[in-house]
PDB file of N, CA and C in Angstrom:
ATOM      1  N   MET A   1       0.915  -1.273   0.059  1.00  0.00           N
ATOM      2  CA  MET A   1      -0.050   0.095   0.086  1.00  0.00           C
ATOM      3  C   MET A   1       0.804   0.994   0.113  1.00  0.00           C
ATOM      4  N   PRO A   2       0.549   2.202  -1.032  1.00  0.00           N
ATOM      5  CA  PRO A   2       1.361   3.381  -0.962  1.00  0.00           C
ATOM      6  C   PRO A   2       1.446   4.428   0.557  1.00  0.00           C
ATOM      7  N   SER A   3       2.423   5.067   0.733  1.00  0.00           N
ATOM      8  CA  SER A   3       2.449   5.960   1.727  1.00  0.00           C
ATOM      9  C   SER A   3       2.182   7.155   1.379  1.00  0.00           C
ATOM     10  N   TYR A   4       1.647   7.960   2.166  1.00  0.00           N
ATOM     11  CA  TYR A   4       1.291   9.207   2.203  1.00  0.00           C
ATOM     12  C   TYR A   4       1.996  10.206   3.451  1.00  0.00           C
ATOM     13  N   LEU A   5       2.346  11.572   3.146  1.00  0.00           N
ATOM     14  CA  LEU A   5       2.800  12.199   4.385  1.00  0.00           C
ATOM     15  C   LEU A   5       1.979  13.309   4.374  1.00  0.00           C
ATOM     16  N   VAL A   6       0.872  13.567   5.513  1.00  0.00           N
ATOM     17  CA  VAL A   6       0.096  14.947   5.723  1.00  0.00           C
ATOM     18  C   VAL A   6       1.004  15.693   6.467  1.00  0.00           C
ATOM     19  N   GLU A   7       0.945  17.122   5.728  1.00  0.00           N
ATOM     20  CA  GLU A   7       2.193  18.208   6.273  1.00  0.00           C
ATOM     21  C   GLU A   7       1.033  19.391   6.816  1.00  0.00           C
ATOM     22  N   VAL A   8       1.271  19.793   8.056  1.00  0.00           N
ATOM     23  CA  VAL A   8       0.238  20.598   8.740  1.00  0.00           C
ATOM     24  C   VAL A   8       1.284  21.708   9.542  1.00  0.00           C
ATOM     25  N   TYR A   9       0.908  22.911   9.167  1.00  0.00           N
ATOM     26  CA  TYR A   9       1.414  24.099   9.854  1.00  0.00           C
ATOM     27  C   TYR A   9       1.083  23.945  11.699  1.00  0.00           C
ATOM     28  N   LEU A  10       2.026  23.949  12.554  1.00  0.00           N
ATOM     29  CA  LEU A  10       1.562  23.699  13.822  1.00  0.00           C
ATOM     30  C   LEU A  10       2.498  24.575  14.702  1.00  0.00           C
ATOM     31  N   PRO A  11       1.929  26.192  15.192  1.00  0.00           N
ATOM     32  CA  PRO A  11       2.941  26.708  15.704  1.00  0.00           C
ATOM     33  C   PRO A  11       3.774  26.285  16.979  1.00  0.00           C
ATOM     34  N   ARG A  12       4.931  26.826  17.263  1.00  0.00           N
ATOM     35  CA  ARG A  12       5.665  26.202  18.511  1.00  0.00           C
ATOM     36  C   ARG A  12       4.742  26.482  19.766  1.00  0.00           C
ATOM     37  N   SER A  13       4.045  27.557  19.696  1.00  0.00           N
ATOM     38  CA  SER A  13       3.281  28.062  20.666  1.00  0.00           C
ATOM     39  C   SER A  13       2.103  26.854  21.047  1.00  0.00           C
ATOM     40  N   ARG A  14       1.805  26.138  20.176  1.00  0.00           N
ATOM     41  CA  ARG A  14       0.833  25.007  20.343  1.00  0.00           C
ATOM     42  C   ARG A  14       1.323  23.533  20.352  1.00  0.00           C
ATOM     43  N   ALA A  15       2.518  23.673  20.615  1.00  0.00           N
ATOM     44  CA  ALA A  15       3.514  22.183  20.428  1.00  0.00           C
ATOM     45  C   ALA A  15       2.758  21.402  21.122  1.00  0.00           C
ATOM     46  N   SER A  16       1.947  21.532  22.332  1.00  0.00           N
ATOM     47  CA  SER A  16       1.133  20.385  23.423  1.00  0.00           C
ATOM     48  C   SER A  16       0.065  19.830  22.562  1.00  0.00           C
ATOM     49  N   GLU A  17       0.045  20.380  21.184  1.00  0.00           N
ATOM     50  CA  GLU A  17      -1.577  19.806  20.391  1.00  0.00           C
ATOM     51  C   GLU A  17      -0.866  18.710  19.522  1.00  0.00           C
ATOM     52  N   ALA A  18       0.503  18.731  19.485  1.00  0.00           N
ATOM     53  CA  ALA A  18       1.003  17.708  18.490  1.00  0.00           C
ATOM     54  C   ALA A  18       0.586  16.186  18.914  1.00  0.00           C
ATOM     55  N   CYS A  19       0.546  15.788  20.112  1.00  0.00           N
ATOM     56  CA  CYS A  19       0.053  14.576  20.405  1.00  0.00           C
ATOM     57  C   CYS A  19      -1.379  14.490  20.102  1.00  0.00           C
ATOM     58  N   ALA A  20      -2.158  15.271  20.380  1.00  0.00           N
ATOM     59  CA  ALA A  20      -3.313  15.093  20.345  1.00  0.00           C
ATOM     60  C   ALA A  20      -4.061  15.096  18.873  1.00  0.00           C
ATOM     61  N   THR A  21      -3.226  15.874  17.783  1.00  0.00           N
ATOM     62  CA  THR A  21      -3.469  15.980  16.233  1.00  0.00           C
ATOM     63  C   THR A  21      -3.204  14.404  15.967  1.00  0.00           C
ATOM     64  N   GLY A  22      -2.272  13.742  16.142  1.00  0.00           N
ATOM     65  CA  GLY A  22      -1.898  12.378  16.002  1.00  0.00           C
ATOM     66  C   GLY A  22      -2.939  11.261  16.690  1.00  0.00           C
ATOM     67  N   CYS A  23      -3.375  11.582  17.882  1.00  0.00           N
ATOM     68  CA  CYS A  23      -4.475  10.673  18.125  1.00  0.00           C
ATOM     69  C   CYS A  23      -5.827  10.880  17.197  1.00  0.00           C
ATOM     70  N   ARG A  24      -6.009  12.058  16.928  1.00  0.00           N
ATOM     71  CA  ARG A  24      -6.982  12.175  16.029  1.00  0.00           C
ATOM     72  C   ARG A  24      -6.717  11.874  14.790  1.00  0.00           C
ATOM     73  N   ALA A  25      -5.661  11.862  13.952  1.00  0.00           N
ATOM     74  CA  ALA A  25      -5.127  11.190  12.754  1.00  0.00           C
ATOM     75  C   ALA A  25      -5.310   9.906  12.779  1.00  0.00           C
ATOM     76  N   ARG A  26      -5.006   8.957  14.055  1.00  0.00           N
ATOM     77  CA  ARG A  26      -5.109   7.502  14.294  1.00  0.00           C
ATOM     78  C   ARG A  26      -6.519   7.111  14.131  1.00  0.00           C
ATOM     79  N   ALA A  27      -7.649   7.908  15.042  1.00  0.00           N
ATOM     80  CA  ALA A  27      -8.923   7.378  15.273  1.00  0.00           C
ATOM     81  C   ALA A  27      -9.644   7.848  13.778  1.00  0.00           C
ATOM     82  N   ALA A  28      -9.503   8.735  12.981  1.00  0.00           N
ATOM     83  CA  ALA A  28      -9.902   8.742  11.683  1.00  0.00           C
ATOM     84  C   ALA A  28      -9.261   7.903  10.984  1.00  0.00           C
ATOM     85  N   ALA A  29      -8.254   7.386  10.886  1.00  0.00           N
ATOM     86  CA  ALA A  29      -7.903   6.316   9.856  1.00  0.00           C
ATOM     87  C   ALA A  29      -8.463   5.140  10.523  1.00  0.00           C
ATOM     88  N   GLU A  30      -8.788   4.723  11.690  1.00  0.00           N
ATOM     89  CA  GLU A  30      -9.298   3.385  12.270  1.00  0.00           C
ATOM     90  C   GLU A  30     -10.900   3.382  11.832  1.00  0.00           C
ATOM     91  N   GLU A  31     -11.363   4.909  11.967  1.00  0.00           N
ATOM     92  CA  GLU A  31     -12.823   4.762  11.574  1.00  0.00           C
ATOM     93  C   GLU A  31     -13.158   4.478  10.181  1.00  0.00           C
ATOM     94  N   LEU A  32     -12.241   5.103   9.350  1.00  0.00           N
ATOM     95  CA  LEU A  32     -12.377   4.865   7.825  1.00  0.00           C
ATOM     96  C   LEU A  32     -12.115   3.286   7.670  1.00  0.00           C
ATOM     97  N   SER A  33     -10.803   2.771   8.225  1.00  0.00           N
ATOM     98  CA  SER A  33     -10.897   1.405   8.078  1.00  0.00           C
ATOM     99  C   SER A  33     -11.671   0.618   8.614  1.00  0.00           C
ATOM    100  N   ARG A  34     -12.704   0.730   9.555  1.00  0.00           N
ATOM    101  CA  ARG A  34     -14.091   0.126   9.865  1.00  0.00           C
ATOM    102  C   ARG A  34     -15.085   0.067   8.718  1.00  0.00           C
ATOM    103  N   GLU A  35     -15.135   1.148   8.116  1.00  0.00           N
ATOM    104  CA  GLU A  35     -16.021   1.398   7.071  1.00  0.00           C
ATOM    105  C   GLU A  35     -15.509   0.511   5.787  1.00  0.00           C
ATOM    106  N   GLY A  36     -14.370   0.074   5.899  1.00  0.00           N
ATOM    107  CA  GLY A  36     -13.710  -0.843   4.656  1.00  0.00           C
ATOM    108  C   GLY A  36     -12.998  -0.039   3.783  1.00  0.00           C
ATOM    109  N   VAL A  37     -12.560   1.199   4.247  1.00  0.00           N
ATOM    110  CA  VAL A  37     -11.596   1.886   3.387  1.00  0.00           C
ATOM    111  C   VAL A  37     -10.018   1.302   3.861  1.00  0.00           C
ATOM    112  N   SER A  38      -9.174   1.268   2.858  1.00  0.00           N
ATOM    113  CA  SER A  38      -7.946   0.784   2.884  1.00  0.00           C
ATOM    114  C   SER A  38      -7.050   2.060   3.366  1.00  0.00           C
ATOM    115  N   ILE A  39      -6.709   2.085   4.810  1.00  0.00           N
ATOM    116  CA  ILE A  39      -6.114   3.038   5.203  1.00  0.00           C
ATOM    117  C   ILE A  39      -5.449   2.973   6.792  1.00  0.00           C
ATOM    118  N   ARG A  40      -4.184   2.858   6.931  1.00  0.00           N
ATOM    119  CA  ARG A  40      -3.372   2.680   8.236  1.00  0.00           C
ATOM    120  C   ARG A  40      -2.715   3.977   8.624  1.00  0.00           C
ATOM    121  N   TYR A  41      -2.920   4.445   9.604  1.00  0.00           N
ATOM    122  CA  TYR A  41      -2.042   5.551  10.195  1.00  0.00           C
ATOM    123  C   TYR A  41      -0.787   4.935  10.531  1.00  0.00           C
ATOM    124  N   VAL A  42       0.350   5.474  10.676  1.00  0.00           N
ATOM    125  CA  VAL A  42       1.720   5.089  10.909  1.00  0.00           C
ATOM    126  C   VAL A  42       2.265   5.803  12.046  1.00  0.00           C
ATOM    127  N   ARG A  43       2.360   7.103  11.831  1.00  0.00           N
ATOM    128  CA  ARG A  43       3.160   7.899  12.961  1.00  0.00           C
ATOM    129  C   ARG A  43       3.093   9.412  12.869  1.00  0.00           C
ATOM    130  N   THR A  44       3.055  10.157  13.859  1.00  0.00           N
ATOM    131  CA  THR A  44       3.107  11.590  13.767  1.00  0.00           C
ATOM    132  C   THR A  44       4.419  12.296  14.287  1.00  0.00           C
ATOM    133  N   THR A  45       5.166  13.185  13.709  1.00  0.00           N
ATOM    134  CA  THR A  45       6.291  13.884  13.753  1.00  0.00           C
ATOM    135  C   THR A  45       6.115  15.346  13.772  1.00  0.00           C
ATOM    136  N   PHE A  46       6.433  15.747  15.159  1.00  0.00           N
ATOM    137  CA  PHE A  46       6.376  17.310  15.202  1.00  0.00           C
ATOM    138  C   PHE A  46       7.878  17.755  15.249  1.00  0.00           C
ATOM    139  N   LEU A  47       8.033  18.613  14.459  1.00  0.00           N
ATOM    140  CA  LEU A  47       9.252  19.736  14.147  1.00  0.00           C
ATOM    141  C   LEU A  47       9.138  20.955  14.890  1.00  0.00           C
ATOM    142  N   PRO A  48       9.364  21.079  16.232  1.00  0.00           N
ATOM    143  CA  PRO A  48       8.931  22.450  16.737  1.00  0.00           C
ATOM    144  C   PRO A  48       9.813  23.541  16.030  1.00  0.00           C
ATOM    145  N   ASP A  49      11.070  23.366  15.777  1.00  0.00           N
ATOM    146  CA  ASP A  49      11.879  24.612  15.214  1.00  0.00           C
ATOM    147  C   ASP A  49      11.227  24.945  14.014  1.00  0.00           C
ATOM    148  N   ASP A  50      10.801  24.190  13.153  1.00  0.00           N
ATOM    149  CA  ASP A  50       9.967  24.539  11.587  1.00  0.00           C
ATOM    150  C   ASP A  50       8.665  24.695  11.696  1.00  0.00           C
ATOM    151  N   GLU A  51       8.170  24.557  12.900  1.00  0.00           N
ATOM    152  CA  GLU A  51       6.741  24.644  13.288  1.00  0.00           C
ATOM    153  C   GLU A  51       5.794  23.603  12.449  1.00  0.00           C
ATOM    154  N   MET A  52       6.001  22.818  12.230  1.00  0.00           N
ATOM    155  CA  MET A  52       5.602  21.552  11.020  1.00  0.00           C
ATOM    156  C   MET A  52       5.114  20.420  11.950  1.00  0.00           C
ATOM    157  N   CYS A  53       4.112  19.824  11.504  1.00  0.00           N
ATOM    158  CA  CYS A  53       3.812  18.614  12.038  1.00  0.00           C
ATOM    159  C   CYS A  53       3.461  17.519  10.821  1.00  0.00           C
ATOM    160  N   PHE A  54       3.955  16.370  11.102  1.00  0.00           N
ATOM    161  CA  PHE A  54       3.810  15.558   9.865  1.00  0.00           C
ATOM    162  C   PHE A  54       3.082  14.361  10.298  1.00  0.00           C
ATOM    163  N   HIS A  55       2.118  13.722   9.729  1.00  0.00           N
ATOM    164  CA  HIS A  55       1.291  12.517   9.690  1.00  0.00           C
ATOM    165  C   HIS A  55       1.556  11.646   8.660  1.00  0.00           C
ATOM    166  N   LEU A  56       1.944  10.357   9.095  1.00  0.00           N
ATOM    167  CA  LEU A  56       2.295   9.190   7.814  1.00  0.00           C
ATOM    168  C   LEU A  56       1.256   8.525   7.771  1.00  0.00           C
ATOM    169  N   PHE A  57       0.462   7.917   6.887  1.00  0.00           N
ATOM    170  CA  PHE A  57      -0.213   6.946   6.712  1.00  0.00           C
ATOM    171  C   PHE A  57       0.060   6.152   5.642  1.00  0.00           C
ATOM    172  N   GLU A  58      -0.416   4.886   5.445  1.00  0.00           N
ATOM    173  CA  GLU A  58      -0.407   4.241   4.405  1.00  0.00           C
ATOM    174  C   GLU A  58      -1.948   4.107   3.775  1.00  0.00           C
ATOM    175  N   ALA A  59      -2.265   4.317   2.702  1.00  0.00           N
ATOM    176  CA  ALA A  59      -3.596   4.109   2.009  1.00  0.00           C
ATOM    177  C   ALA A  59      -3.737   3.951   0.751  1.00  0.00           C
ATOM    178  N   ALA A  60      -4.585   3.717   0.150  1.00  0.00           N
ATOM    179  CA  ALA A  60      -5.007   3.226  -1.115  1.00  0.00           C
ATOM    180  C   ALA A  60      -4.612   4.564  -2.115  1.00  0.00           C
ATOM    181  N   SER A  61      -5.005   5.847  -1.644  1.00  0.00           N
ATOM    182  CA  SER A  61      -4.869   6.778  -2.356  1.00  0.00           C
ATOM    183  C   SER A  61      -4.716   7.907  -1.732  1.00  0.00           C
ATOM    184  N   ALA A  62      -4.534   8.998  -2.232  1.00  0.00           N
ATOM    185  CA  ALA A  62      -4.313  10.543  -1.587  1.00  0.00           C
ATOM    186  C   ALA A  62      -5.628  11.128  -1.003  1.00  0.00           C
ATOM    187  N   LYS A  63      -6.618  10.561  -1.904  1.00  0.00           N
ATOM    188  CA  LYS A  63      -8.072  11.135  -1.625  1.00  0.00           C
ATOM    189  C   LYS A  63      -8.295  10.547  -0.039  1.00  0.00           C
ATOM    190  N   VAL A  64      -7.985   9.083   0.003  1.00  0.00           N
ATOM    191  CA  VAL A  64      -8.283   8.562   1.199  1.00  0.00           C
ATOM    192  C   VAL A  64      -7.819   9.339   2.302  1.00  0.00           C
ATOM    193  N   VAL A  65      -6.451   9.676   2.188  1.00  0.00           N
ATOM    194  CA  VAL A  65      -5.774  10.422   3.122  1.00  0.00           C
ATOM    195  C   VAL A  65      -6.518  11.726   3.595  1.00  0.00           C
ATOM    196  N   GLU A  66      -6.694  12.410   2.470  1.00  0.00           N
ATOM    197  CA  GLU A  66      -7.299  13.640   2.659  1.00  0.00           C
ATOM    198  C   GLU A  66      -8.713  13.558   3.542  1.00  0.00           C
ATOM    199  N   ASP A  67      -9.521  12.767   3.130  1.00  0.00           N
ATOM    200  CA  ASP A  67     -10.599  12.409   3.846  1.00  0.00           C
ATOM    201  C   ASP A  67     -10.426  12.206   5.684  1.00  0.00           C
ATOM    202  N   ALA A  68      -9.487  11.272   5.753  1.00  0.00           N
ATOM    203  CA  ALA A  68      -8.664  11.060   7.085  1.00  0.00           C
ATOM    204  C   ALA A  68      -8.399  12.257   7.853  1.00  0.00           C
ATOM    205  N   SER A  69      -7.833  13.132   6.886  1.00  0.00           N
ATOM    206  CA  SER A  69      -7.111  14.470   7.688  1.00  0.00           C
ATOM    207  C   SER A  69      -8.393  15.405   7.625  1.00  0.00           C
ATOM    208  N   SER A  70      -9.408  15.532   6.885  1.00  0.00           N
ATOM    209  CA  SER A  70     -10.339  16.254   7.205  1.00  0.00           C
ATOM    210  C   SER A  70     -11.129  15.763   8.413  1.00  0.00           C
ATOM    211  N   ARG A  71     -11.647  14.308   8.615  1.00  0.00           N
ATOM    212  CA  ARG A  71     -12.180  13.946   9.787  1.00  0.00           C
ATOM    213  C   ARG A  71     -11.645  14.348  10.713  1.00  0.00           C
ATOM    214  N   ALA A  72     -10.137  14.189  11.015  1.00  0.00           N
ATOM    215  CA  ALA A  72      -9.364  14.552  12.125  1.00  0.00           C
ATOM    216  C   ALA A  72      -9.130  15.801  12.488  1.00  0.00           C
ATOM    217  N   GLU A  73      -9.837  16.863  11.798  1.00  0.00           N
ATOM    218  CA  GLU A  73      -9.617  18.228  11.869  1.00  0.00           C
ATOM    219  C   GLU A  73      -8.077  18.789  12.131  1.00  0.00           C
ATOM    220  N   LEU A  74      -7.371  18.553  11.185  1.00  0.00           N
ATOM    221  CA  LEU A  74      -6.015  18.714  11.104  1.00  0.00           C
ATOM    222  C   LEU A  74      -5.729  20.049  10.530  1.00  0.00           C
ATOM    223  N   GLY A  75      -6.832  20.692   9.933  1.00  0.00           N
ATOM    224  CA  GLY A  75      -6.597  21.874   9.620  1.00  0.00           C
ATOM    225  C   GLY A  75      -6.164  21.935   8.009  1.00  0.00           C
ATOM    226  N   ARG A  76      -5.627  22.882   7.490  1.00  0.00           N
ATOM    227  CA  ARG A  76      -4.994  23.171   6.182  1.00  0.00           C
ATOM    228  C   ARG A  76      -3.849  22.092   6.286  1.00  0.00           C
ATOM    229  N   ALA A  77      -4.049  21.244   5.351  1.00  0.00           N
ATOM    230  CA  ALA A  77      -3.162  20.119   5.112  1.00  0.00           C
ATOM    231  C   ALA A  77      -2.773  20.065   3.744  1.00  0.00           C
ATOM    232  N   ARG A  78      -1.524  19.692   3.625  1.00  0.00           N
ATOM    233  CA  ARG A  78      -0.722  19.200   2.306  1.00  0.00           C
ATOM    234  C   ARG A  78      -0.409  17.686   2.586  1.00  0.00           C
ATOM    235  N   VAL A  79      -1.073  17.032   1.221  1.00  0.00           N
ATOM    236  CA  VAL A  79      -1.023  15.501   1.344  1.00  0.00           C
ATOM    237  C   VAL A  79       0.044  15.341   0.402  1.00  0.00           C
ATOM    238  N   LEU A  80       1.211  14.598   0.472  1.00  0.00           N
ATOM    239  CA  LEU A  80       2.269  14.212  -0.487  1.00  0.00           C
ATOM    240  C   LEU A  80       2.484  12.665  -0.397  1.00  0.00           C
ATOM    241  N   PRO A  81       2.613  12.224  -1.846  1.00  0.00           N
ATOM    242  CA  PRO A  81       3.145  10.727  -1.864  1.00  0.00           C
ATOM    243  C   PRO A  81       4.393  10.563  -0.963  1.00  0.00           C
ATOM    244  N   ALA A  82       4.791   9.661  -0.299  1.00  0.00           N
ATOM    245  CA  ALA A  82       6.024   9.321   0.413  1.00  0.00           C
ATOM    246  C   ALA A  82       6.690   7.849  -0.005  1.00  0.00           C
ATOM    247  N   ILE A  83       8.062   8.142   0.197  1.00  0.00           N
ATOM    248  CA  ILE A  83       8.736   6.774  -0.181  1.00  0.00           C
ATOM    249  C   ILE A  83       9.336   6.243   1.189  1.00  0.00           C
ATOM    250  N   GLU A  84       9.208   5.002   1.968  1.00  0.00           N
ATOM    251  CA  GLU A  84       9.866   4.739   2.870  1.00  0.00           C
ATOM    252  C   GLU A  84      11.113   3.898   2.574  1.00  0.00           C
ATOM    253  N   ALA A  85      12.015   4.569   3.356  1.00  0.00           N
ATOM    254  CA  ALA A  85      13.294   3.666   2.933  1.00  0.00           C
ATOM    255  C   ALA A  85      14.127   3.239   4.146  1.00  0.00           C
ATOM    256  N   SER A  86      14.725   2.072   4.351  1.00  0.00           N
ATOM    257  CA  SER A  86      15.334   1.740   5.440  1.00  0.00           C
ATOM    258  C   SER A  86      16.979   1.452   5.335  1.00  0.00           C
TER     259      SER A  86
END
């Protein structure tokens, strides 16, 4: 399943919200998955110096990730295809 990165602006002054946004992203993906949509939340990473929060998903399409982001109320988000390398 392809990976997608959701990029969201999160000011340093609201850093405490990073964990909450990750929880909402996970819950939205789980809800969609229960509805039969192919999506899995992977992780959230917050970069306070850049004031950016990234949510990584595996999903059937970018549209599915956009739906999850909307349900999670992540705000204005950019969804990008991502390639995981080890």
